[in-house]
Amino acid sequence: MAAVSSTLRSPKVWGSGLVGVLALVLGNWLCDRELAPTLPPTGNTQDTTTLTENTPIASDTQATGVKTISPEQLPKDVTLEQPKQKEEKPTAKEQQKEEKPATRKSGFEMVAVAGGTFTMGDAKGESDECPHEVTVGSFSIGKYEITQADWKAVMGGFPKEPGFPNCDQCPVERVSWDDIQDFLKKANAKYGKAYRLPTEAEWEYAARGGNRSKDHAYSGSSSPGSVAWYDANSGRKTHPVGGKAANELGLYDMSGNVWEWCADLWKAYPCCTASECKNCRVLRGGSWGIGATWLRSAYRVGGNPDGRDNGDGFRVAQD
């Protein structure tokens, strides 16, 4: 350091001498840093180390370099972190399928019925059900009863005082025969169709399965519970259409759920002596609130055309 001290005494070389000293000190400091060993942390802390399966771990037997050891060779306090699995996102097709809303059932979906001759009535039924042959022409009839959504789409709202509102897929109910005439006029104007109520003979022919009939007592089965909502299984309410099995023609709920208005005035069959129901219109099929006897395809009742009940609905037909 003597040489450095003599240089500092000379005013002419003060600036360059100071720079030299600083460079020498900095060089010695950097040299010390490079040669200094890296010491491990002190203390007896038991920190658990988390490693991945691909993390290289230094060997105790090698001063330089690293090697990879197996999980079995790790200390007990060292755990391996499993590599994160790549999240599988649904494909666009799968996502579209999940987001696709359920198809709404509509009473305007029609089923073609080939005409034919059948035996109307039931020899084992009520006195006004005397069997007789009837021939009907070909026609179409609703696959389902007219739903609340169908009614609202045409009429703009619910019928007066519905018994079971806010169920778009349930059959519309508490509609009179007169109410339905107004509905049909508006539906035909809206859709450019010629919807109407089925005749009583068309209704029974379709309920029995048309020319595919297997002669079941109920529409589609001899067991009412498989095809109908009625007092034994309905929970005292209507249910969404199409919830039970279809009949031979693919028609749903022709037994049970709601009674269905027909176009005809109620009249006694030619073979019967039953009294007339003056000005009554025919209702068929039974409803959620009655027993199995009234669900039979041959059973018939009459009702006042302006009467409304939470068990009365309808389905449409076309020529």
C-alpha atoms as a PDB file:
ATOM      1  CA  MET A   1       0.000   0.000   0.000  1.00  0.00           C
ATOM      2  CA  ALA A   2       3.116   2.339   0.273  1.00  0.00           C
ATOM      3  CA  ALA A   3       3.101   3.018  -3.445  1.00  0.00           C
ATOM      4  CA  VAL A   4      -0.531   3.978  -3.280  1.00  0.00           C
ATOM      5  CA  SER A   5       0.110   6.426  -0.434  1.00  0.00           C
ATOM      6  CA  SER A   6       2.937   8.260  -2.289  1.00  0.00           C
ATOM      7  CA  THR A   7       0.748   8.658  -5.326  1.00  0.00           C
ATOM      8  CA  LEU A   8      -1.951  10.332  -3.303  1.00  0.00           C
ATOM      9  CA  ARG A   9       0.434  13.034  -2.074  1.00  0.00           C
ATOM     10  CA  SER A  10       0.936  14.423  -5.571  1.00  0.00           C
ATOM     11  CA  PRO A  11      -1.733  17.032  -6.461  1.00  0.00           C
ATOM     12  CA  LYS A  12      -1.222  16.541 -10.190  1.00  0.00           C
ATOM     13  CA  VAL A  13      -2.294  12.872 -10.097  1.00  0.00           C
ATOM     14  CA  TRP A  14      -5.104  13.113  -7.499  1.00  0.00           C
ATOM     15  CA  GLY A  15      -7.950  12.244  -9.782  1.00  0.00           C
ATOM     16  CA  SER A  16      -6.263   9.330 -11.564  1.00  0.00           C
ATOM     17  CA  GLY A  17      -4.804   8.025  -8.307  1.00  0.00           C
ATOM     18  CA  LEU A  18      -8.228   7.965  -6.623  1.00  0.00           C
ATOM     19  CA  VAL A  19      -9.704   6.025  -9.520  1.00  0.00           C
ATOM     20  CA  GLY A  20      -6.913   3.487  -9.298  1.00  0.00           C
ATOM     21  CA  VAL A  21      -7.468   2.948  -5.585  1.00  0.00           C
ATOM     22  CA  LEU A  22     -11.173   2.425  -6.077  1.00  0.00           C
ATOM     23  CA  ALA A  23     -10.548  -0.048  -8.915  1.00  0.00           C
ATOM     24  CA  LEU A  24      -8.076  -2.001  -6.752  1.00  0.00           C
ATOM     25  CA  VAL A  25     -10.454  -2.185  -3.782  1.00  0.00           C
ATOM     26  CA  LEU A  26     -13.403  -3.228  -6.002  1.00  0.00           C
ATOM     27  CA  GLY A  27     -11.285  -5.917  -7.694  1.00  0.00           C
ATOM     28  CA  ASN A  28     -10.209  -7.415  -4.361  1.00  0.00           C
ATOM     29  CA  TRP A  29     -13.831  -7.452  -3.147  1.00  0.00           C
ATOM     30  CA  LEU A  30     -15.088  -9.228  -6.280  1.00  0.00           C
ATOM     31  CA  CYS A  31     -12.307 -11.785  -6.004  1.00  0.00           C
ATOM     32  CA  ASP A  32     -13.258 -12.527  -2.408  1.00  0.00           C
ATOM     33  CA  ARG A  33     -16.941 -13.037  -3.485  1.00  0.00           C
ATOM     34  CA  GLU A  34     -16.014 -15.562  -6.195  1.00  0.00           C
ATOM     35  CA  LEU A  35     -13.845 -17.655  -3.889  1.00  0.00           C
ATOM     36  CA  ALA A  36     -16.171 -17.579  -0.900  1.00  0.00           C
ATOM     37  CA  PRO A  37     -17.961 -20.905  -0.369  1.00  0.00           C
ATOM     38  CA  THR A  38     -21.741 -20.976  -0.301  1.00  0.00           C
ATOM     39  CA  LEU A  39     -22.735 -22.063   3.183  1.00  0.00           C
ATOM     40  CA  PRO A  40     -25.895 -24.046   3.888  1.00  0.00           C
ATOM     41  CA  PRO A  41     -28.531 -22.417   6.088  1.00  0.00           C
ATOM     42  CA  THR A  42     -27.988 -22.874   9.790  1.00  0.00           C
ATOM     43  CA  GLY A  43     -30.529 -24.023  12.311  1.00  0.00           C
ATOM     44  CA  ASN A  44     -32.510 -27.193  12.942  1.00  0.00           C
ATOM     45  CA  THR A  45     -35.727 -26.227  11.133  1.00  0.00           C
ATOM     46  CA  GLN A  46     -37.682 -29.199   9.729  1.00  0.00           C
ATOM     47  CA  ASP A  47     -39.098 -27.546   6.592  1.00  0.00           C
ATOM     48  CA  THR A  48     -40.796 -29.969   4.237  1.00  0.00           C
ATOM     49  CA  THR A  49     -39.529 -29.627   0.674  1.00  0.00           C
ATOM     50  CA  THR A  50     -41.989 -30.047  -2.198  1.00  0.00           C
ATOM     51  CA  LEU A  51     -40.521 -31.308  -5.439  1.00  0.00           C
ATOM     52  CA  THR A  52     -41.931 -32.388  -8.718  1.00  0.00           C
ATOM     53  CA  GLU A  53     -41.114 -35.715 -10.316  1.00  0.00           C
ATOM     54  CA  ASN A  54     -38.882 -33.901 -12.805  1.00  0.00           C
ATOM     55  CA  THR A  55     -36.901 -31.861 -10.255  1.00  0.00           C
ATOM     56  CA  PRO A  56     -33.142 -32.797 -10.295  1.00  0.00           C
ATOM     57  CA  ILE A  57     -31.796 -33.435  -6.789  1.00  0.00           C
ATOM     58  CA  ALA A  58     -28.035 -32.958  -5.990  1.00  0.00           C
ATOM     59  CA  SER A  59     -26.172 -36.074  -4.922  1.00  0.00           C
ATOM     60  CA  ASP A  60     -24.194 -36.063  -1.680  1.00  0.00           C
ATOM     61  CA  THR A  61     -21.388 -37.964  -3.451  1.00  0.00           C
ATOM     62  CA  GLN A  62     -20.770 -35.467  -6.217  1.00  0.00           C
ATOM     63  CA  ALA A  63     -19.260 -32.011  -5.606  1.00  0.00           C
ATOM     64  CA  THR A  64     -20.248 -30.825  -9.025  1.00  0.00           C
ATOM     65  CA  GLY A  65     -23.190 -31.680 -11.232  1.00  0.00           C
ATOM     66  CA  VAL A  66     -26.543 -33.149 -10.228  1.00  0.00           C
ATOM     67  CA  LYS A  67     -28.288 -36.442 -10.642  1.00  0.00           C
ATOM     68  CA  THR A  68     -31.931 -37.489 -10.440  1.00  0.00           C
ATOM     69  CA  ILE A  69     -32.957 -39.916  -7.711  1.00  0.00           C
ATOM     70  CA  SER A  70     -36.100 -42.004  -7.414  1.00  0.00           C
ATOM     71  CA  PRO A  71     -38.964 -41.103  -5.064  1.00  0.00           C
ATOM     72  CA  GLU A  72     -38.077 -44.080  -2.836  1.00  0.00           C
ATOM     73  CA  GLN A  73     -34.672 -42.495  -2.079  1.00  0.00           C
ATOM     74  CA  LEU A  74     -36.145 -39.241  -0.785  1.00  0.00           C
ATOM     75  CA  PRO A  75     -36.176 -38.402   2.944  1.00  0.00           C
ATOM     76  CA  LYS A  76     -39.534 -38.822   4.690  1.00  0.00           C
ATOM     77  CA  ASP A  77     -40.015 -35.071   4.970  1.00  0.00           C
ATOM     78  CA  VAL A  78     -39.692 -34.543   1.212  1.00  0.00           C
ATOM     79  CA  THR A  79     -42.809 -35.040  -0.917  1.00  0.00           C
ATOM     80  CA  LEU A  80     -43.263 -35.184  -4.633  1.00  0.00           C
ATOM     81  CA  GLU A  81     -45.799 -32.863  -6.174  1.00  0.00           C
ATOM     82  CA  GLN A  82     -47.720 -34.651  -8.923  1.00  0.00           C
ATOM     83  CA  PRO A  83     -47.683 -32.837 -12.260  1.00  0.00           C
ATOM     84  CA  LYS A  84     -50.929 -30.983 -12.871  1.00  0.00           C
ATOM     85  CA  GLN A  85     -53.258 -32.757 -15.237  1.00  0.00           C
ATOM     86  CA  LYS A  86     -54.258 -30.753 -18.242  1.00  0.00           C
ATOM     87  CA  GLU A  87     -57.877 -29.736 -17.886  1.00  0.00           C
ATOM     88  CA  GLU A  88     -59.977 -31.281 -20.607  1.00  0.00           C
ATOM     89  CA  LYS A  89     -62.440 -28.780 -21.994  1.00  0.00           C
ATOM     90  CA  PRO A  90     -65.609 -30.034 -23.704  1.00  0.00           C
ATOM     91  CA  THR A  91     -65.553 -29.877 -27.462  1.00  0.00           C
ATOM     92  CA  ALA A  92     -67.732 -27.347 -29.218  1.00  0.00           C
ATOM     93  CA  LYS A  93     -70.081 -30.167 -30.247  1.00  0.00           C
ATOM     94  CA  GLU A  94     -70.370 -31.486 -26.676  1.00  0.00           C
ATOM     95  CA  GLN A  95     -70.913 -27.985 -25.308  1.00  0.00           C
ATOM     96  CA  GLN A  96     -73.614 -27.311 -27.883  1.00  0.00           C
ATOM     97  CA  LYS A  97     -75.314 -30.566 -26.948  1.00  0.00           C
ATOM     98  CA  GLU A  98     -75.267 -29.645 -23.236  1.00  0.00           C
ATOM     99  CA  GLU A  99     -76.601 -26.157 -23.860  1.00  0.00           C
ATOM    100  CA  LYS A 100     -79.312 -27.248 -26.295  1.00  0.00           C
ATOM    101  CA  PRO A 101     -82.675 -26.700 -24.609  1.00  0.00           C
ATOM    102  CA  ALA A 102     -85.210 -29.490 -24.417  1.00  0.00           C
ATOM    103  CA  THR A 103     -87.642 -29.525 -27.308  1.00  0.00           C
ATOM    104  CA  ARG A 104     -91.020 -28.157 -26.256  1.00  0.00           C
ATOM    105  CA  LYS A 105     -93.973 -30.471 -26.741  1.00  0.00           C
ATOM    106  CA  SER A 106     -96.900 -28.843 -28.509  1.00  0.00           C
ATOM    107  CA  GLY A 107    -100.518 -29.787 -29.060  1.00  0.00           C
ATOM    108  CA  PHE A 108    -100.147 -28.481 -32.595  1.00  0.00           C
ATOM    109  CA  GLU A 109     -97.918 -31.440 -33.514  1.00  0.00           C
ATOM    110  CA  MET A 110    -100.245 -33.556 -35.589  1.00  0.00           C
ATOM    111  CA  VAL A 111    -100.491 -37.320 -36.189  1.00  0.00           C
ATOM    112  CA  ALA A 112    -102.153 -38.653 -39.340  1.00  0.00           C
ATOM    113  CA  VAL A 113    -104.892 -41.208 -38.713  1.00  0.00           C
ATOM    114  CA  ALA A 114    -106.032 -43.472 -41.548  1.00  0.00           C
ATOM    115  CA  GLY A 115    -109.801 -43.829 -41.628  1.00  0.00           C
ATOM    116  CA  GLY A 116    -111.666 -47.067 -41.046  1.00  0.00           C
ATOM    117  CA  THR A 117    -114.636 -48.840 -39.475  1.00  0.00           C
ATOM    118  CA  PHE A 118    -114.639 -49.783 -35.793  1.00  0.00           C
ATOM    119  CA  THR A 119    -116.999 -50.800 -33.005  1.00  0.00           C
ATOM    120  CA  MET A 120    -117.814 -47.738 -30.949  1.00  0.00           C
ATOM    121  CA  GLY A 121    -118.972 -48.280 -27.376  1.00  0.00           C
ATOM    122  CA  ASP A 122    -118.441 -51.053 -24.843  1.00  0.00           C
ATOM    123  CA  ALA A 123    -120.796 -53.946 -24.087  1.00  0.00           C
ATOM    124  CA  LYS A 124    -119.324 -54.147 -20.572  1.00  0.00           C
ATOM    125  CA  GLY A 125    -119.592 -50.391 -20.006  1.00  0.00           C
ATOM    126  CA  GLU A 126    -122.322 -47.963 -19.038  1.00  0.00           C
ATOM    127  CA  SER A 127    -125.860 -48.061 -20.390  1.00  0.00           C
ATOM    128  CA  ASP A 128    -125.130 -45.240 -22.858  1.00  0.00           C
ATOM    129  CA  GLU A 129    -122.170 -47.138 -24.369  1.00  0.00           C
ATOM    130  CA  CYS A 130    -124.022 -49.753 -26.420  1.00  0.00           C
ATOM    131  CA  PRO A 131    -121.670 -51.129 -29.141  1.00  0.00           C
ATOM    132  CA  HIS A 132    -122.333 -50.111 -32.752  1.00  0.00           C
ATOM    133  CA  GLU A 133    -120.285 -49.870 -35.925  1.00  0.00           C
ATOM    134  CA  VAL A 134    -119.030 -46.492 -37.094  1.00  0.00           C
ATOM    135  CA  THR A 135    -116.941 -45.505 -40.100  1.00  0.00           C
ATOM    136  CA  VAL A 136    -114.679 -42.465 -40.006  1.00  0.00           C
ATOM    137  CA  GLY A 137    -112.610 -40.888 -42.769  1.00  0.00           C
ATOM    138  CA  SER A 138    -108.929 -40.083 -42.543  1.00  0.00           C
ATOM    139  CA  PHE A 139    -107.948 -37.095 -40.409  1.00  0.00           C
ATOM    140  CA  SER A 140    -105.139 -35.735 -38.250  1.00  0.00           C
ATOM    141  CA  ILE A 141    -105.216 -35.237 -34.491  1.00  0.00           C
ATOM    142  CA  GLY A 142    -102.887 -33.630 -31.965  1.00  0.00           C
ATOM    143  CA  LYS A 143    -100.136 -35.842 -30.618  1.00  0.00           C
ATOM    144  CA  TYR A 144    -100.560 -34.055 -27.277  1.00  0.00           C
ATOM    145  CA  GLU A 145    -103.237 -32.062 -25.544  1.00  0.00           C
ATOM    146  CA  ILE A 146    -103.027 -28.311 -26.123  1.00  0.00           C
ATOM    147  CA  THR A 147    -100.575 -26.999 -23.543  1.00  0.00           C
ATOM    148  CA  GLN A 148    -100.505 -23.817 -21.515  1.00  0.00           C
ATOM    149  CA  ALA A 149     -97.683 -22.563 -23.748  1.00  0.00           C
ATOM    150  CA  ASP A 150     -99.792 -23.261 -26.854  1.00  0.00           C
ATOM    151  CA  TRP A 151    -102.701 -21.349 -25.370  1.00  0.00           C
ATOM    152  CA  LYS A 152    -100.582 -18.360 -24.349  1.00  0.00           C
ATOM    153  CA  ALA A 153     -98.948 -18.197 -27.789  1.00  0.00           C
ATOM    154  CA  VAL A 154    -102.379 -17.750 -29.376  1.00  0.00           C
ATOM    155  CA  MET A 155    -104.367 -15.937 -26.699  1.00  0.00           C
ATOM    156  CA  GLY A 156    -101.623 -13.876 -25.073  1.00  0.00           C
ATOM    157  CA  GLY A 157    -102.170 -15.178 -21.535  1.00  0.00           C
ATOM    158  CA  PHE A 158    -103.740 -17.802 -19.303  1.00  0.00           C
ATOM    159  CA  PRO A 159    -107.426 -18.699 -19.397  1.00  0.00           C
ATOM    160  CA  LYS A 160    -109.592 -17.327 -16.591  1.00  0.00           C
ATOM    161  CA  GLU A 161    -108.584 -18.676 -13.165  1.00  0.00           C
ATOM    162  CA  PRO A 162    -106.496 -21.696 -14.222  1.00  0.00           C
ATOM    163  CA  GLY A 163    -106.222 -24.443 -11.646  1.00  0.00           C
ATOM    164  CA  PHE A 164    -102.542 -25.175 -12.259  1.00  0.00           C
ATOM    165  CA  PRO A 165    -100.841 -22.112 -13.798  1.00  0.00           C
ATOM    166  CA  ASN A 166     -97.181 -21.597 -14.680  1.00  0.00           C
ATOM    167  CA  CYS A 167     -96.576 -25.040 -16.156  1.00  0.00           C
ATOM    168  CA  ASP A 168     -96.010 -24.412 -19.857  1.00  0.00           C
ATOM    169  CA  GLN A 169     -95.849 -28.124 -20.715  1.00  0.00           C
ATOM    170  CA  CYS A 170     -98.975 -29.057 -18.757  1.00  0.00           C
ATOM    171  CA  PRO A 171    -102.303 -29.223 -20.582  1.00  0.00           C
ATOM    172  CA  VAL A 172    -104.293 -26.023 -20.534  1.00  0.00           C
ATOM    173  CA  GLU A 173    -107.368 -26.446 -18.331  1.00  0.00           C
ATOM    174  CA  ARG A 174    -110.378 -24.564 -17.044  1.00  0.00           C
ATOM    175  CA  VAL A 175    -111.362 -23.780 -20.618  1.00  0.00           C
ATOM    176  CA  SER A 176    -114.954 -24.064 -21.781  1.00  0.00           C
ATOM    177  CA  TRP A 177    -116.156 -25.350 -25.134  1.00  0.00           C
ATOM    178  CA  ASP A 178    -117.036 -21.738 -25.989  1.00  0.00           C
ATOM    179  CA  ASP A 179    -113.552 -20.538 -25.017  1.00  0.00           C
ATOM    180  CA  ILE A 180    -112.060 -23.106 -27.370  1.00  0.00           C
ATOM    181  CA  GLN A 181    -114.066 -21.804 -30.342  1.00  0.00           C
ATOM    182  CA  ASP A 182    -112.433 -18.404 -29.860  1.00  0.00           C
ATOM    183  CA  PHE A 183    -109.018 -20.060 -29.531  1.00  0.00           C
ATOM    184  CA  LEU A 184    -109.486 -22.008 -32.777  1.00  0.00           C
ATOM    185  CA  LYS A 185    -110.422 -18.885 -34.733  1.00  0.00           C
ATOM    186  CA  LYS A 186    -107.322 -17.051 -33.529  1.00  0.00           C
ATOM    187  CA  ALA A 187    -105.022 -20.055 -34.004  1.00  0.00           C
ATOM    188  CA  ASN A 188    -106.212 -20.581 -37.576  1.00  0.00           C
ATOM    189  CA  ALA A 189    -105.705 -16.892 -38.367  1.00  0.00           C
ATOM    190  CA  LYS A 190    -102.257 -16.913 -36.770  1.00  0.00           C
ATOM    191  CA  TYR A 191    -100.971 -20.114 -38.345  1.00  0.00           C
ATOM    192  CA  GLY A 192    -103.001 -20.291 -41.538  1.00  0.00           C
ATOM    193  CA  LYS A 193    -104.470 -23.676 -40.633  1.00  0.00           C
ATOM    194  CA  ALA A 194    -107.921 -25.166 -40.198  1.00  0.00           C
ATOM    195  CA  TYR A 195    -107.774 -26.589 -36.678  1.00  0.00           C
ATOM    196  CA  ARG A 196    -110.976 -27.854 -35.099  1.00  0.00           C
ATOM    197  CA  LEU A 197    -112.132 -30.120 -32.307  1.00  0.00           C
ATOM    198  CA  PRO A 198    -112.360 -33.824 -33.171  1.00  0.00           C
ATOM    199  CA  THR A 199    -115.776 -35.415 -33.464  1.00  0.00           C
ATOM    200  CA  GLU A 200    -116.685 -37.891 -30.754  1.00  0.00           C
ATOM    201  CA  ALA A 201    -116.315 -40.813 -33.189  1.00  0.00           C
ATOM    202  CA  GLU A 202    -112.889 -39.566 -34.367  1.00  0.00           C
ATOM    203  CA  TRP A 203    -111.768 -39.163 -30.782  1.00  0.00           C
ATOM    204  CA  GLU A 204    -112.736 -42.718 -29.753  1.00  0.00           C
ATOM    205  CA  TYR A 205    -111.305 -44.231 -32.932  1.00  0.00           C
ATOM    206  CA  ALA A 206    -107.966 -42.476 -32.322  1.00  0.00           C
ATOM    207  CA  ALA A 207    -107.981 -43.334 -28.603  1.00  0.00           C
ATOM    208  CA  ARG A 208    -108.453 -47.009 -29.439  1.00  0.00           C
ATOM    209  CA  GLY A 209    -105.448 -46.909 -31.786  1.00  0.00           C
ATOM    210  CA  GLY A 210    -107.253 -46.589 -35.150  1.00  0.00           C
ATOM    211  CA  ASN A 211    -106.560 -49.450 -37.517  1.00  0.00           C
ATOM    212  CA  ARG A 212    -103.647 -50.512 -35.266  1.00  0.00           C
ATOM    213  CA  SER A 213    -105.891 -51.070 -32.256  1.00  0.00           C
ATOM    214  CA  LYS A 214    -105.063 -53.857 -29.822  1.00  0.00           C
ATOM    215  CA  ASP A 215    -108.469 -53.444 -28.174  1.00  0.00           C
ATOM    216  CA  HIS A 216    -107.202 -52.133 -24.839  1.00  0.00           C
ATOM    217  CA  ALA A 217    -109.705 -50.778 -22.322  1.00  0.00           C
ATOM    218  CA  TYR A 218    -107.620 -47.605 -21.910  1.00  0.00           C
ATOM    219  CA  SER A 219    -105.866 -45.660 -24.636  1.00  0.00           C
ATOM    220  CA  GLY A 220    -102.733 -47.715 -25.257  1.00  0.00           C
ATOM    221  CA  SER A 221    -102.924 -50.233 -22.426  1.00  0.00           C
ATOM    222  CA  SER A 222    -105.093 -52.424 -20.239  1.00  0.00           C
ATOM    223  CA  SER A 223    -103.198 -50.997 -17.244  1.00  0.00           C
ATOM    224  CA  PRO A 224    -104.256 -47.390 -16.530  1.00  0.00           C
ATOM    225  CA  GLY A 225    -101.116 -46.438 -14.594  1.00  0.00           C
ATOM    226  CA  SER A 226     -98.854 -46.913 -17.627  1.00  0.00           C
ATOM    227  CA  VAL A 227    -100.765 -44.500 -19.872  1.00  0.00           C
ATOM    228  CA  ALA A 228    -102.725 -42.131 -17.634  1.00  0.00           C
ATOM    229  CA  TRP A 229    -102.511 -39.577 -14.844  1.00  0.00           C
ATOM    230  CA  TYR A 230    -105.556 -40.146 -12.629  1.00  0.00           C
ATOM    231  CA  ASP A 231    -106.561 -40.087  -8.964  1.00  0.00           C
ATOM    232  CA  ALA A 232    -104.280 -43.004  -8.012  1.00  0.00           C
ATOM    233  CA  ASN A 233    -101.026 -41.433  -9.252  1.00  0.00           C
ATOM    234  CA  SER A 234    -101.512 -37.750 -10.156  1.00  0.00           C
ATOM    235  CA  GLY A 235    -100.983 -36.169  -6.752  1.00  0.00           C
ATOM    236  CA  ARG A 236    -104.200 -34.221  -7.421  1.00  0.00           C
ATOM    237  CA  LYS A 237    -102.790 -32.130 -10.247  1.00  0.00           C
ATOM    238  CA  THR A 238    -102.095 -32.103 -13.992  1.00  0.00           C
ATOM    239  CA  HIS A 239     -98.741 -33.213 -15.372  1.00  0.00           C
ATOM    240  CA  PRO A 240     -96.640 -32.229 -18.413  1.00  0.00           C
ATOM    241  CA  VAL A 241     -97.986 -33.817 -21.576  1.00  0.00           C
ATOM    242  CA  GLY A 242     -96.290 -36.911 -22.945  1.00  0.00           C
ATOM    243  CA  GLY A 243     -95.159 -38.187 -19.554  1.00  0.00           C
ATOM    244  CA  LYS A 244     -96.847 -41.567 -19.908  1.00  0.00           C
ATOM    245  CA  ALA A 245     -96.691 -44.193 -22.654  1.00  0.00           C
ATOM    246  CA  ALA A 246     -98.301 -43.470 -26.020  1.00  0.00           C
ATOM    247  CA  ASN A 247    -101.050 -45.541 -27.622  1.00  0.00           C
ATOM    248  CA  GLU A 248    -100.788 -47.538 -30.845  1.00  0.00           C
ATOM    249  CA  LEU A 249    -100.895 -44.362 -32.968  1.00  0.00           C
ATOM    250  CA  GLY A 250     -98.290 -42.507 -30.918  1.00  0.00           C
ATOM    251  CA  LEU A 251    -100.867 -40.312 -29.146  1.00  0.00           C
ATOM    252  CA  TYR A 252    -100.340 -39.318 -25.515  1.00  0.00           C
ATOM    253  CA  ASP A 253    -102.692 -38.688 -22.581  1.00  0.00           C
ATOM    254  CA  MET A 254    -105.904 -39.680 -24.314  1.00  0.00           C
ATOM    255  CA  SER A 255    -106.674 -41.406 -21.041  1.00  0.00           C
ATOM    256  CA  GLY A 256    -106.285 -39.143 -18.016  1.00  0.00           C
ATOM    257  CA  ASN A 257    -104.572 -35.802 -17.293  1.00  0.00           C
ATOM    258  CA  VAL A 258    -107.566 -33.710 -18.477  1.00  0.00           C
ATOM    259  CA  TRP A 259    -110.948 -34.411 -20.008  1.00  0.00           C
ATOM    260  CA  GLU A 260    -111.022 -33.466 -23.681  1.00  0.00           C
ATOM    261  CA  TRP A 261    -113.838 -31.531 -25.312  1.00  0.00           C
ATOM    262  CA  CYS A 262    -115.213 -32.893 -28.595  1.00  0.00           C
ATOM    263  CA  ALA A 263    -117.129 -31.041 -31.291  1.00  0.00           C
ATOM    264  CA  ASP A 264    -120.439 -32.934 -30.901  1.00  0.00           C
ATOM    265  CA  LEU A 265    -123.534 -32.301 -28.907  1.00  0.00           C
ATOM    266  CA  TRP A 266    -124.032 -35.148 -26.453  1.00  0.00           C
ATOM    267  CA  LYS A 267    -126.646 -37.500 -27.866  1.00  0.00           C
ATOM    268  CA  ALA A 268    -127.686 -41.053 -27.082  1.00  0.00           C
ATOM    269  CA  TYR A 269    -126.417 -43.711 -29.466  1.00  0.00           C
ATOM    270  CA  PRO A 270    -129.042 -45.116 -31.840  1.00  0.00           C
ATOM    271  CA  CYS A 271    -128.890 -48.429 -29.963  1.00  0.00           C
ATOM    272  CA  CYS A 272    -129.396 -46.852 -26.527  1.00  0.00           C
ATOM    273  CA  THR A 273    -132.348 -45.452 -24.634  1.00  0.00           C
ATOM    274  CA  ALA A 274    -130.280 -43.079 -22.481  1.00  0.00           C
ATOM    275  CA  SER A 275    -131.774 -39.648 -21.891  1.00  0.00           C
ATOM    276  CA  GLU A 276    -130.363 -36.670 -23.749  1.00  0.00           C
ATOM    277  CA  CYS A 277    -128.196 -33.979 -22.145  1.00  0.00           C
ATOM    278  CA  LYS A 278    -129.766 -30.884 -23.653  1.00  0.00           C
ATOM    279  CA  ASN A 279    -127.217 -28.533 -25.245  1.00  0.00           C
ATOM    280  CA  CYS A 280    -124.366 -30.473 -23.643  1.00  0.00           C
ATOM    281  CA  ARG A 281    -121.103 -31.000 -25.482  1.00  0.00           C
ATOM    282  CA  VAL A 282    -119.164 -34.259 -25.270  1.00  0.00           C
ATOM    283  CA  LEU A 283    -116.100 -34.729 -23.057  1.00  0.00           C
ATOM    284  CA  ARG A 284    -113.854 -37.805 -23.261  1.00  0.00           C
ATOM    285  CA  GLY A 285    -110.840 -39.479 -21.662  1.00  0.00           C
ATOM    286  CA  GLY A 286    -111.097 -38.754 -17.934  1.00  0.00           C
ATOM    287  CA  SER A 287    -108.749 -36.584 -15.885  1.00  0.00           C
ATOM    288  CA  TRP A 288    -106.221 -36.358 -13.060  1.00  0.00           C
ATOM    289  CA  GLY A 289    -108.984 -36.332 -10.443  1.00  0.00           C
ATOM    290  CA  ILE A 290    -111.126 -39.377 -11.261  1.00  0.00           C
ATOM    291  CA  GLY A 291    -110.925 -43.183 -11.005  1.00  0.00           C
ATOM    292  CA  ALA A 292    -109.861 -45.713 -13.604  1.00  0.00           C
ATOM    293  CA  THR A 293    -113.421 -46.526 -14.736  1.00  0.00           C
ATOM    294  CA  TRP A 294    -113.789 -43.074 -16.293  1.00  0.00           C
ATOM    295  CA  LEU A 295    -110.499 -43.416 -18.212  1.00  0.00           C
ATOM    296  CA  ARG A 296    -111.836 -46.062 -20.583  1.00  0.00           C
ATOM    297  CA  SER A 297    -111.774 -45.160 -24.291  1.00  0.00           C
ATOM    298  CA  ALA A 298    -115.529 -45.785 -24.540  1.00  0.00           C
ATOM    299  CA  TYR A 299    -116.596 -43.692 -21.547  1.00  0.00           C
ATOM    300  CA  ARG A 300    -118.498 -40.511 -22.384  1.00  0.00           C
ATOM    301  CA  VAL A 301    -119.901 -37.556 -20.456  1.00  0.00           C
ATOM    302  CA  GLY A 302    -121.556 -34.265 -21.372  1.00  0.00           C
ATOM    303  CA  GLY A 303    -120.917 -30.753 -20.124  1.00  0.00           C
ATOM    304  CA  ASN A 304    -122.374 -27.285 -20.539  1.00  0.00           C
ATOM    305  CA  PRO A 305    -120.520 -25.458 -23.338  1.00  0.00           C
ATOM    306  CA  ASP A 306    -119.814 -22.460 -21.110  1.00  0.00           C
ATOM    307  CA  GLY A 307    -118.664 -24.539 -18.155  1.00  0.00           C
ATOM    308  CA  ARG A 308    -115.058 -24.367 -16.924  1.00  0.00           C
ATOM    309  CA  ASP A 309    -113.304 -26.907 -14.735  1.00  0.00           C
ATOM    310  CA  ASN A 310    -109.663 -27.499 -13.784  1.00  0.00           C
ATOM    311  CA  GLY A 311    -110.025 -31.009 -15.169  1.00  0.00           C
ATOM    312  CA  ASP A 312    -111.188 -29.952 -18.652  1.00  0.00           C
ATOM    313  CA  GLY A 313    -108.904 -29.377 -21.648  1.00  0.00           C
ATOM    314  CA  PHE A 314    -108.765 -30.409 -25.314  1.00  0.00           C
ATOM    315  CA  ARG A 315    -106.722 -31.438 -28.323  1.00  0.00           C
ATOM    316  CA  VAL A 316    -107.132 -30.279 -31.908  1.00  0.00           C
ATOM    317  CA  ALA A 317    -107.872 -32.108 -35.149  1.00  0.00           C
ATOM    318  CA  GLN A 318    -107.641 -31.381 -38.878  1.00  0.00           C
ATOM    319  CA  ASP A 319    -109.201 -32.842 -42.008  1.00  0.00           C
END
